[in-house]
């Protein structure tokens, strides 16, 4: 027998980690919106005294079969009309006429859009907190490894040396920028939706604008200048910020998967532990394989990438759906519901996984150095060319070192041996007054790290200052 659960399902713990945007959360947000509207109407003097409390109590106590509500939604194209009937029937007649406060002046889109904003606000709060944990962990790595040399890699090939601290500082900056983007959306771009049948609130007469302000106050979201039924720019802004957060976390996860490869082995994920959502991540079995007992896969990084790979397509769908007809869209609005829900869920999950990944990430400085040394000095070819450039000119020095690098790559020695063993190169070195010691010095990774430490310091300072500006 196969049993089912409402706790996230088969894949929910992976792709819904740290988020709550499922059917129950949607339903609660819609009921919260209806309750807030009833309280706003009472404050505006449009319903009987006590009606707001009565509707709020009914909205908190009502039990709704989500599957049944979904089936009823097929008659009207959305679940709100059926939910309004259920809620109205649940409001007691004390005070008399209290049920008349349910949904007064509203249209279905007002309830769904405002519920969507509530879900977005709650997800952004949680994701922002997880990104802050991840950023603090990246900052700790940057600080601890500011002077730890490792191979820089461009086009997946070893380039000049960098430091692991600089790599972590790059992760930190991306996380801080993503968090700032989500914070801007949370504080500037969310808003209630309340426009009635066609955006005029005609059913409420002159009191309509006041009710919008009161609704915003009751529900804790800003009031827009006017209803935005078919102006979906704020939805695109939300989606873009979520996708940017996915890009930041996905970049880190991709780096971790590459650095954790067996042949590289410069970082590894720590053992499983309870994540910020309280779920067990597998303990000693974390990263295991169903076939290969030796495997210790970077599960958190892989899960992040499983989330973030889907974000660009969801953003594209929401951007395409933003072109909407007249005062109510014919289908494009419907296309947003599950799409934005998925994007919220995946972004929140990616943030939670990233927090766990970075707080447990282990760096191996010895392995980083070994991988650098194994390249035989080739990553320092630019350093040697710079040493020769004053005597030979930049291009001639580049060509001379490039030829030596090719010989080193084809032979068994390193770059220094290839240079010193070549009569032409040796003559140029002698003529320039450059001895073997100077060449060896130019081939030390620590001698060619440029402004890496300065950049790490700047990233850490920006993180500290930025954290002071965000909750």
Protein backbone atom coordinates (compact mmCIF):
# COMPACT_ATOMS: atom_id res chain seq x y z
CA UNK A 1 0.00 0.00 0.00
CA UNK A 2 1.23 3.48 -0.88
CA UNK A 3 0.39 6.11 1.72
CA UNK A 4 0.33 9.85 1.13
CA UNK A 5 1.06 12.78 3.37
CA UNK A 6 0.50 16.51 3.27
CA UNK A 7 3.93 17.15 4.81
CA UNK A 8 5.67 17.77 1.51
CA UNK A 9 5.36 14.54 -0.41
CA UNK A 10 8.10 12.52 -2.06
CA UNK A 11 10.26 15.43 -3.17
CA UNK A 12 9.09 18.18 -0.83
CA UNK A 13 11.96 17.87 1.64
CA UNK A 14 14.40 18.51 -1.22
CA UNK A 15 12.63 21.11 -3.31
CA UNK A 16 10.46 22.67 -0.59
CA UNK A 17 13.05 22.89 2.17
CA UNK A 18 12.53 25.88 4.41
CA UNK A 19 9.39 27.07 2.61
CA UNK A 20 5.64 26.82 3.07
CA UNK A 21 3.75 27.71 -0.08
CA UNK A 22 1.65 24.59 -0.47
CA UNK A 23 -2.11 24.31 -0.71
CA UNK A 24 -2.63 24.81 3.02
CA UNK A 25 -0.47 27.95 3.00
CA UNK A 26 -2.36 29.34 0.01
CA UNK A 27 -5.69 28.62 1.67
CA UNK A 28 -4.57 30.25 4.91
CA UNK A 29 -3.38 33.34 3.03
CA UNK A 30 -6.72 33.67 1.22
CA UNK A 31 -8.63 33.32 4.47
CA UNK A 32 -6.32 35.82 6.14
CA UNK A 33 -7.11 38.22 3.31
CA UNK A 34 -10.86 37.77 3.66
CA UNK A 35 -10.61 38.28 7.43
CA UNK A 36 -8.48 41.41 7.04
CA UNK A 37 -10.98 42.80 4.50
CA UNK A 38 -13.86 42.25 6.94
CA UNK A 39 -12.00 44.12 9.65
CA UNK A 40 -11.17 46.95 7.23
CA UNK A 41 -14.81 47.23 6.18
CA UNK A 42 -15.90 47.45 9.80
CA UNK A 43 -13.32 50.14 10.53
CA UNK A 44 -14.64 52.07 7.52
CA UNK A 45 -18.16 51.91 8.97
CA UNK A 46 -19.47 49.77 6.12
CA UNK A 47 -20.46 46.72 8.17
CA UNK A 48 -21.97 46.13 11.58
CA UNK A 49 -19.86 46.42 14.68
CA UNK A 50 -18.22 43.11 15.57
CA UNK A 51 -18.40 41.74 12.04
CA UNK A 52 -14.64 41.89 11.58
CA UNK A 53 -14.00 39.78 14.65
CA UNK A 54 -16.75 37.33 13.67
CA UNK A 55 -15.35 36.78 10.19
CA UNK A 56 -11.82 36.53 11.55
CA UNK A 57 -12.87 33.88 14.04
CA UNK A 58 -14.72 31.93 11.36
CA UNK A 59 -11.72 32.15 9.01
CA UNK A 60 -9.50 30.78 11.75
CA UNK A 61 -11.78 27.91 12.66
CA UNK A 62 -13.13 26.81 9.29
CA UNK A 63 -12.05 23.40 8.00
CA UNK A 64 -11.76 23.19 4.24
CA UNK A 65 -11.18 20.06 2.17
CA UNK A 66 -8.62 21.35 -0.32
CA UNK A 67 -9.45 18.66 -2.89
CA UNK A 68 -13.16 19.47 -2.69
CA UNK A 69 -12.44 23.20 -3.01
CA UNK A 70 -10.24 22.52 -6.00
CA UNK A 71 -13.00 20.52 -7.65
CA UNK A 72 -15.46 23.35 -7.07
CA UNK A 73 -12.99 25.81 -8.58
CA UNK A 74 -13.50 24.25 -11.99
CA UNK A 75 -16.95 25.85 -12.15
CA UNK A 76 -15.60 29.40 -11.86
CA UNK A 77 -11.96 29.14 -12.96
CA UNK A 78 -10.56 29.85 -9.49
CA UNK A 79 -11.24 28.69 -5.91
CA UNK A 80 -12.35 31.99 -4.40
CA UNK A 81 -16.13 31.92 -5.16
CA UNK A 82 -16.51 28.51 -3.52
CA UNK A 83 -14.34 29.55 -0.58
CA UNK A 84 -16.44 32.69 -0.08
CA UNK A 85 -19.60 30.58 0.10
CA UNK A 86 -17.99 28.28 2.68
CA UNK A 87 -16.70 31.16 4.79
CA UNK A 88 -19.99 33.05 4.63
CA UNK A 89 -21.86 29.96 5.85
CA UNK A 90 -19.38 29.57 8.72
CA UNK A 91 -19.86 33.10 10.11
CA UNK A 92 -22.33 33.06 13.04
CA UNK A 93 -25.25 35.47 13.05
CA UNK A 94 -23.85 37.24 16.09
CA UNK A 95 -23.85 40.08 15.57
CA UNK A 96 -26.69 39.87 13.06
CA UNK A 97 -25.52 40.57 9.54
CA UNK A 98 -21.84 39.86 10.28
CA UNK A 99 -21.62 37.47 7.31
CA UNK A 100 -22.31 40.42 4.98
CA UNK A 101 -18.72 41.54 5.61
CA UNK A 102 -17.32 38.54 3.78
CA UNK A 103 -15.81 39.53 0.42
CA UNK A 104 -17.75 42.78 0.20
CA UNK A 105 -16.51 44.93 -2.67
CA UNK A 106 -13.89 42.40 -3.69
CA UNK A 107 -13.31 40.28 -6.75
CA UNK A 108 -11.58 36.91 -6.86
CA UNK A 109 -8.36 38.41 -8.16
CA UNK A 110 -8.16 40.73 -5.17
CA UNK A 111 -8.11 37.75 -2.82
CA UNK A 112 -5.69 35.61 -4.82
CA UNK A 113 -3.27 38.43 -5.61
CA UNK A 114 -3.18 39.62 -2.00
CA UNK A 115 -2.73 36.05 -0.81
CA UNK A 116 0.11 35.71 -3.28
CA UNK A 117 1.73 38.83 -1.82
CA UNK A 118 1.36 37.39 1.69
CA UNK A 119 2.99 34.14 0.63
CA UNK A 120 5.76 36.10 -1.06
CA UNK A 121 6.38 38.21 2.04
CA UNK A 122 6.55 35.14 4.27
CA UNK A 123 8.88 33.33 1.87
CA UNK A 124 11.15 36.34 1.46
CA UNK A 125 11.45 36.67 5.24
CA UNK A 126 12.50 33.03 5.57
CA UNK A 127 14.76 33.01 2.52
CA UNK A 128 16.38 36.25 3.62
CA UNK A 129 17.18 34.70 7.00
CA UNK A 130 18.69 31.62 5.36
CA UNK A 131 20.73 33.75 2.96
CA UNK A 132 22.02 35.73 5.94
CA UNK A 133 23.20 32.48 7.57
CA UNK A 134 24.83 31.44 4.31
CA UNK A 135 26.50 34.83 3.91
CA UNK A 136 27.87 34.73 7.45
CA UNK A 137 29.31 31.28 6.74
CA UNK A 138 30.88 32.52 3.50
CA UNK A 139 32.34 35.47 5.41
CA UNK A 140 33.88 33.10 7.95
CA UNK A 141 35.46 31.07 5.14
CA UNK A 142 36.76 34.21 3.47
CA UNK A 143 38.27 35.45 6.71
CA UNK A 144 39.85 32.11 7.63
CA UNK A 145 41.33 31.51 4.18
CA UNK A 146 42.22 35.01 3.07
CA UNK A 147 45.82 33.88 2.47
CA UNK A 148 45.20 30.27 1.41
CA UNK A 149 46.50 29.93 -2.17
CA UNK A 150 44.68 27.74 -4.65
CA UNK A 151 44.47 27.45 -8.40
CA UNK A 152 42.29 29.98 -10.10
CA UNK A 153 40.38 28.35 -12.91
CA UNK A 154 39.12 29.89 -16.13
CA UNK A 155 37.30 27.85 -18.76
CA UNK A 156 37.76 24.96 -16.29
CA UNK A 157 41.56 25.09 -16.73
CA UNK A 158 44.07 26.24 -14.14
CA UNK A 159 44.77 29.96 -14.47
CA UNK A 160 46.85 32.15 -12.13
CA UNK A 161 46.65 31.45 -8.38
CA UNK A 162 43.92 32.97 -6.27
CA UNK A 163 43.05 32.41 -2.63
CA UNK A 164 40.21 30.36 -1.29
CA UNK A 165 39.37 33.42 0.76
CA UNK A 166 38.82 35.37 -2.45
CA UNK A 167 36.60 32.61 -3.82
CA UNK A 168 34.53 32.65 -0.64
CA UNK A 169 34.45 36.46 -0.74
CA UNK A 170 32.97 36.22 -4.23
CA UNK A 171 30.29 33.89 -2.89
CA UNK A 172 29.68 36.31 -0.04
CA UNK A 173 29.20 39.28 -2.35
CA UNK A 174 26.72 37.37 -4.50
CA UNK A 175 24.73 36.31 -1.46
CA UNK A 176 24.71 39.83 -0.03
CA UNK A 177 23.54 41.28 -3.35
CA UNK A 178 20.81 38.64 -3.65
CA UNK A 179 19.68 39.28 -0.09
CA UNK A 180 19.59 43.03 -0.70
CA UNK A 181 17.48 42.44 -3.80
CA UNK A 182 14.96 40.34 -1.88
CA UNK A 183 14.89 42.94 0.89
CA UNK A 184 14.10 45.68 -1.65
CA UNK A 185 11.22 43.63 -3.01
CA UNK A 186 9.98 42.91 0.51
CA UNK A 187 9.96 46.57 1.51
CA UNK A 188 9.16 48.33 -1.77
CA UNK A 189 7.34 46.12 -4.27
CA UNK A 190 4.75 44.07 -2.40
CA UNK A 191 1.24 45.48 -2.15
CA UNK A 192 -2.34 44.52 -1.45
CA UNK A 193 -4.69 44.09 -4.35
CA UNK A 194 -8.17 45.57 -3.98
CA UNK A 195 -9.97 46.96 -6.97
CA UNK A 196 -13.28 45.15 -7.20
CA UNK A 197 -14.88 44.02 -10.42
CA UNK A 198 -12.89 46.23 -12.83
CA UNK A 199 -10.50 48.25 -10.72
CA UNK A 200 -12.87 51.05 -9.67
CA UNK A 201 -14.21 49.70 -6.34
CA UNK A 202 -17.60 50.92 -7.50
CA UNK A 203 -19.38 48.61 -5.06
CA UNK A 204 -17.98 50.63 -2.14
CA UNK A 205 -18.66 54.07 -3.57
CA UNK A 206 -16.58 56.91 -2.16
CA UNK A 207 -15.29 54.72 0.68
CA UNK A 208 -13.28 52.47 -1.65
CA UNK A 209 -9.85 54.16 -1.35
CA UNK A 210 -10.16 54.33 2.43
CA UNK A 211 -10.89 50.61 2.58
CA UNK A 212 -7.75 49.91 0.52
CA UNK A 213 -5.66 51.76 3.10
CA UNK A 214 -7.39 50.03 5.99
CA UNK A 215 -6.97 46.62 4.34
CA UNK A 216 -3.28 47.31 3.86
CA UNK A 217 -2.97 48.24 7.52
CA UNK A 218 -4.83 45.15 8.67
CA UNK A 219 -2.85 42.71 6.56
CA UNK A 220 0.58 44.32 6.92
CA UNK A 221 1.27 45.08 3.27
CA UNK A 222 1.64 48.44 1.53
CA UNK A 223 -1.30 50.04 -0.27
CA UNK A 224 -0.67 50.66 -3.99
CA UNK A 225 -1.59 53.91 -5.71
CA UNK A 226 -4.26 52.07 -7.66
CA UNK A 227 -5.27 48.46 -8.35
CA UNK A 228 -2.78 46.50 -10.47
CA UNK A 229 -5.04 43.78 -11.87
CA UNK A 230 -3.41 43.79 -15.30
CA UNK A 231 -0.23 45.69 -14.48
CA UNK A 232 2.05 42.79 -13.55
CA UNK A 233 5.36 44.63 -13.29
CA UNK A 234 5.60 43.95 -9.58
CA UNK A 235 5.21 40.22 -10.28
CA UNK A 236 8.11 40.39 -12.73
CA UNK A 237 10.16 42.31 -10.16
CA UNK A 238 9.50 39.62 -7.57
CA UNK A 239 10.37 36.86 -10.02
CA UNK A 240 13.55 38.59 -11.15
CA UNK A 241 14.78 39.03 -7.57
CA UNK A 242 14.00 35.39 -6.78
CA UNK A 243 15.84 34.27 -9.90
CA UNK A 244 18.83 36.42 -8.97
CA UNK A 245 18.92 34.71 -5.57
CA UNK A 246 18.85 31.38 -7.37
CA UNK A 247 21.72 32.55 -9.58
CA UNK A 248 23.81 33.49 -6.52
CA UNK A 249 23.19 30.21 -4.70
CA UNK A 250 23.52 28.16 -7.88
CA UNK A 251 26.93 29.66 -8.66
CA UNK A 252 28.20 28.64 -5.20
CA UNK A 253 26.75 25.16 -5.52
CA UNK A 254 28.33 24.70 -8.93
CA UNK A 255 31.73 25.74 -7.56
CA UNK A 256 31.33 23.31 -4.67
CA UNK A 257 30.47 20.39 -6.97
CA UNK A 258 33.54 21.11 -9.09
CA UNK A 259 35.89 21.61 -6.15
CA UNK A 260 34.54 18.45 -4.48
CA UNK A 261 35.33 16.20 -7.47
CA UNK A 262 37.54 13.26 -6.52
CA UNK A 263 40.35 14.48 -8.75
CA UNK A 264 40.21 17.96 -7.20
CA UNK A 265 39.02 17.31 -3.61
CA UNK A 266 39.67 20.85 -2.39
CA UNK A 267 36.40 21.16 -0.48
CA UNK A 268 33.86 18.76 0.97
CA UNK A 269 30.49 19.06 2.62
CA UNK A 270 30.33 18.36 6.33
CA UNK A 271 28.34 15.56 7.93
CA UNK A 272 24.55 15.78 8.00
CA UNK A 273 22.82 17.73 10.72
CA UNK A 274 19.44 19.26 11.38
CA UNK A 275 18.91 22.13 9.00
CA UNK A 276 17.17 25.42 9.75
CA UNK A 277 13.83 23.78 9.04
CA UNK A 278 14.43 21.04 11.58
CA UNK A 279 14.65 18.21 9.05
CA UNK A 280 17.30 15.53 9.43
CA UNK A 281 19.71 15.63 6.51
CA UNK A 282 20.88 12.06 6.71
CA UNK A 283 23.67 11.95 9.30
CA UNK A 284 26.40 9.47 8.44
CA UNK A 285 24.50 8.30 5.36
CA UNK A 286 24.38 11.75 3.82
CA UNK A 287 25.86 11.72 0.34
CA UNK A 288 25.68 7.98 -0.03
CA UNK A 289 24.82 6.04 -3.18
CA UNK A 290 22.36 3.18 -3.66
CA UNK A 291 25.02 1.32 -5.66
CA UNK A 292 28.46 2.54 -4.55
CA UNK A 293 29.25 2.29 -0.83
CA UNK A 294 32.25 4.61 -1.06
CA UNK A 295 30.37 7.61 -2.39
CA UNK A 296 30.05 10.84 -0.40
CA UNK A 297 28.25 13.10 -2.83
CA UNK A 298 27.87 16.86 -2.21
CA UNK A 299 24.16 16.48 -1.60
CA UNK A 300 23.42 20.05 -0.51
CA UNK A 301 25.15 21.51 -3.56
CA UNK A 302 23.34 19.09 -5.86
CA UNK A 303 19.99 19.94 -4.26
CA UNK A 304 20.66 23.67 -4.70
CA UNK A 305 21.35 23.11 -8.39
CA UNK A 306 18.20 21.00 -8.72
CA UNK A 307 16.26 24.00 -7.46
CA UNK A 308 18.04 26.79 -9.28
CA UNK A 309 18.11 25.20 -12.73
CA UNK A 310 14.35 25.64 -12.94
CA UNK A 311 14.24 29.32 -12.01
CA UNK A 312 15.02 30.91 -15.41
CA UNK A 313 12.16 29.07 -17.11
CA UNK A 314 9.73 30.12 -14.40
CA UNK A 315 10.86 33.73 -14.74
CA UNK A 316 10.32 33.52 -18.49
CA UNK A 317 6.78 32.23 -17.99
CA UNK A 318 5.93 35.05 -15.60
CA UNK A 319 7.40 37.62 -17.97
CA UNK A 320 5.34 36.19 -20.83
CA UNK A 321 2.21 36.23 -18.67
CA UNK A 322 2.61 39.93 -17.88
CA UNK A 323 0.93 40.99 -21.11
CA UNK A 324 -2.70 41.00 -19.98
CA UNK A 325 -5.92 42.19 -21.60
CA UNK A 326 -7.93 45.21 -20.53
CA UNK A 327 -9.08 45.00 -16.88
CA UNK A 328 -8.83 41.21 -16.39
CA UNK A 329 -6.58 38.73 -18.11
CA UNK A 330 -7.93 35.77 -20.02
CA UNK A 331 -5.60 33.04 -18.79
CA UNK A 332 -2.33 34.90 -18.24
CA UNK A 333 -3.22 35.68 -14.62
CA UNK A 334 -4.06 32.00 -14.06
CA UNK A 335 -0.64 31.06 -15.45
CA UNK A 336 1.03 32.97 -12.63
CA UNK A 337 -0.37 31.04 -9.67
CA UNK A 338 1.57 27.79 -9.80
CA UNK A 339 4.52 29.38 -11.60
CA UNK A 340 5.24 31.96 -8.91
CA UNK A 341 4.46 29.37 -6.23
CA UNK A 342 7.11 27.07 -7.69
CA UNK A 343 9.62 29.90 -7.92
CA UNK A 344 9.02 30.90 -4.29
CA UNK A 345 9.33 27.30 -3.17
CA UNK A 346 12.51 26.59 -5.12
CA UNK A 347 14.21 29.84 -4.12
CA UNK A 348 13.41 29.28 -0.47
CA UNK A 349 14.69 25.73 -0.71
CA UNK A 350 17.89 26.80 -2.46
CA UNK A 351 18.53 29.38 0.27
CA UNK A 352 17.99 26.81 3.03
CA UNK A 353 20.26 24.26 1.37
CA UNK A 354 22.94 26.90 0.77
CA UNK A 355 22.92 27.86 4.44
CA UNK A 356 23.49 24.23 5.38
CA UNK A 357 26.09 23.68 2.65
CA UNK A 358 28.26 26.63 3.63
CA UNK A 359 28.00 26.27 7.40
CA UNK A 360 29.37 22.75 7.07
CA UNK A 361 31.79 23.27 4.19
CA UNK A 362 35.32 21.98 4.76
CA UNK A 363 38.28 23.42 2.89
CA UNK A 364 41.52 21.44 2.39
CA UNK A 365 44.42 23.93 2.05
CA UNK A 366 46.96 21.11 1.68
CA UNK A 367 45.06 19.68 -1.28
CA UNK A 368 44.75 23.14 -2.80
CA UNK A 369 48.52 23.55 -2.59
CA UNK A 370 49.16 20.06 -3.93
CA UNK A 371 46.99 20.75 -6.99
CA UNK A 372 48.90 23.97 -7.61
CA UNK A 373 52.27 22.26 -7.24
CA UNK A 374 51.20 19.39 -9.50
CA UNK A 375 50.91 21.87 -12.37
CA UNK A 376 54.68 22.33 -12.36
CA UNK A 377 54.58 26.10 -12.17
CA UNK A 378 52.44 26.56 -15.27
CA UNK A 379 49.82 28.67 -13.43
CA UNK A 380 52.64 31.14 -12.70
CA UNK A 381 53.67 31.54 -16.35
CA UNK A 382 52.24 35.05 -16.38
CA UNK A 383 54.39 35.90 -13.36
CA UNK A 384 57.56 34.71 -15.14
CA UNK A 385 56.61 36.60 -18.30
CA UNK A 386 56.18 39.75 -16.20
CA UNK A 387 59.68 39.15 -14.78
CA UNK A 388 61.18 39.02 -18.28
CA UNK A 389 59.08 41.80 -19.84
CA UNK A 390 61.31 44.76 -18.78
CA UNK A 391 64.26 43.21 -20.60
CA UNK A 392 62.56 41.60 -23.59
CA UNK A 393 59.33 43.51 -24.03
CA UNK A 394 55.92 42.17 -23.09
CA UNK A 395 55.13 40.25 -26.29
CA UNK A 396 58.56 38.67 -26.67
CA UNK A 397 58.54 37.64 -23.02
CA UNK A 398 55.08 36.17 -23.43
CA UNK A 399 56.12 34.13 -26.46
CA UNK A 400 59.30 32.90 -24.80
CA UNK A 401 57.47 31.70 -21.69
CA UNK A 402 54.62 30.23 -23.79
CA UNK A 403 57.13 28.08 -25.69
CA UNK A 404 58.69 26.93 -22.43
CA UNK A 405 55.23 26.15 -21.04
CA UNK A 406 54.49 23.96 -24.05
CA UNK A 407 57.73 22.05 -23.53
CA UNK A 408 56.97 21.65 -19.83
CA UNK A 409 53.48 20.37 -20.53
CA UNK A 410 54.83 17.84 -23.04
CA UNK A 411 57.73 16.68 -20.86
CA UNK A 412 58.32 15.60 -17.30
CA UNK A 413 59.78 18.75 -15.75
CA UNK A 414 58.21 21.97 -14.65
CA UNK A 415 58.23 25.44 -16.15
CA UNK A 416 61.47 26.45 -14.43
CA UNK A 417 63.31 23.43 -15.82
CA UNK A 418 61.95 24.08 -19.31
CA UNK A 419 63.13 27.68 -19.20
CA UNK A 420 66.58 27.05 -17.77
CA UNK A 421 67.27 24.03 -20.03
CA UNK A 422 66.55 25.94 -23.22
CA UNK A 423 69.72 27.68 -24.53
CA UNK A 424 67.83 30.59 -26.07
CA UNK A 425 65.76 31.18 -22.95
CA UNK A 426 68.82 30.77 -20.72
CA UNK A 427 70.70 33.40 -22.78
CA UNK A 428 67.82 35.85 -22.39
CA UNK A 429 67.68 35.22 -18.65
CA UNK A 430 71.40 35.79 -18.25
CA UNK A 431 71.28 38.92 -20.38
CA UNK A 432 68.47 40.24 -18.21
CA UNK A 433 70.38 39.41 -15.05
CA UNK A 434 67.72 36.94 -13.95
CA UNK A 435 69.06 33.91 -12.14
CA UNK A 436 67.40 30.63 -11.18
CA UNK A 437 66.52 32.00 -7.76
CA UNK A 438 64.52 34.86 -9.28
CA UNK A 439 62.68 32.41 -11.54
CA UNK A 440 61.84 30.15 -8.60
CA UNK A 441 60.64 33.17 -6.62
CA UNK A 442 58.32 34.16 -9.48
CA UNK A 443 56.91 30.64 -9.42
CA UNK A 444 55.81 30.81 -5.79
CA UNK A 445 52.00 31.21 -5.63
CA UNK A 446 52.21 33.57 -2.65
CA UNK A 447 54.22 36.01 -4.76
CA UNK A 448 51.49 36.44 -7.35
CA UNK A 449 48.19 36.94 -5.54
CA UNK A 450 47.76 40.57 -6.53
CA UNK A 451 45.02 42.40 -4.62
CA UNK A 452 43.30 39.23 -3.40
CA UNK A 453 43.64 40.14 0.28
CA UNK A 454 42.39 43.67 -0.35
CA UNK A 455 39.35 42.38 -2.18
CA UNK A 456 38.59 39.97 0.65
CA UNK A 457 38.79 42.82 3.16
CA UNK A 458 36.44 44.92 1.03
CA UNK A 459 33.89 42.11 0.73
CA UNK A 460 33.97 41.52 4.47
CA UNK A 461 33.56 45.22 5.21
CA UNK A 462 30.65 45.51 2.79
CA UNK A 463 29.03 42.48 4.38
CA UNK A 464 29.33 43.95 7.85
CA UNK A 465 27.95 47.30 6.76
CA UNK A 466 25.16 45.74 4.73
CA UNK A 467 24.12 43.44 7.56
CA UNK A 468 23.62 46.49 9.73
CA UNK A 469 21.07 47.80 7.22
CA UNK A 470 18.97 44.61 7.02
CA UNK A 471 17.02 42.73 9.68
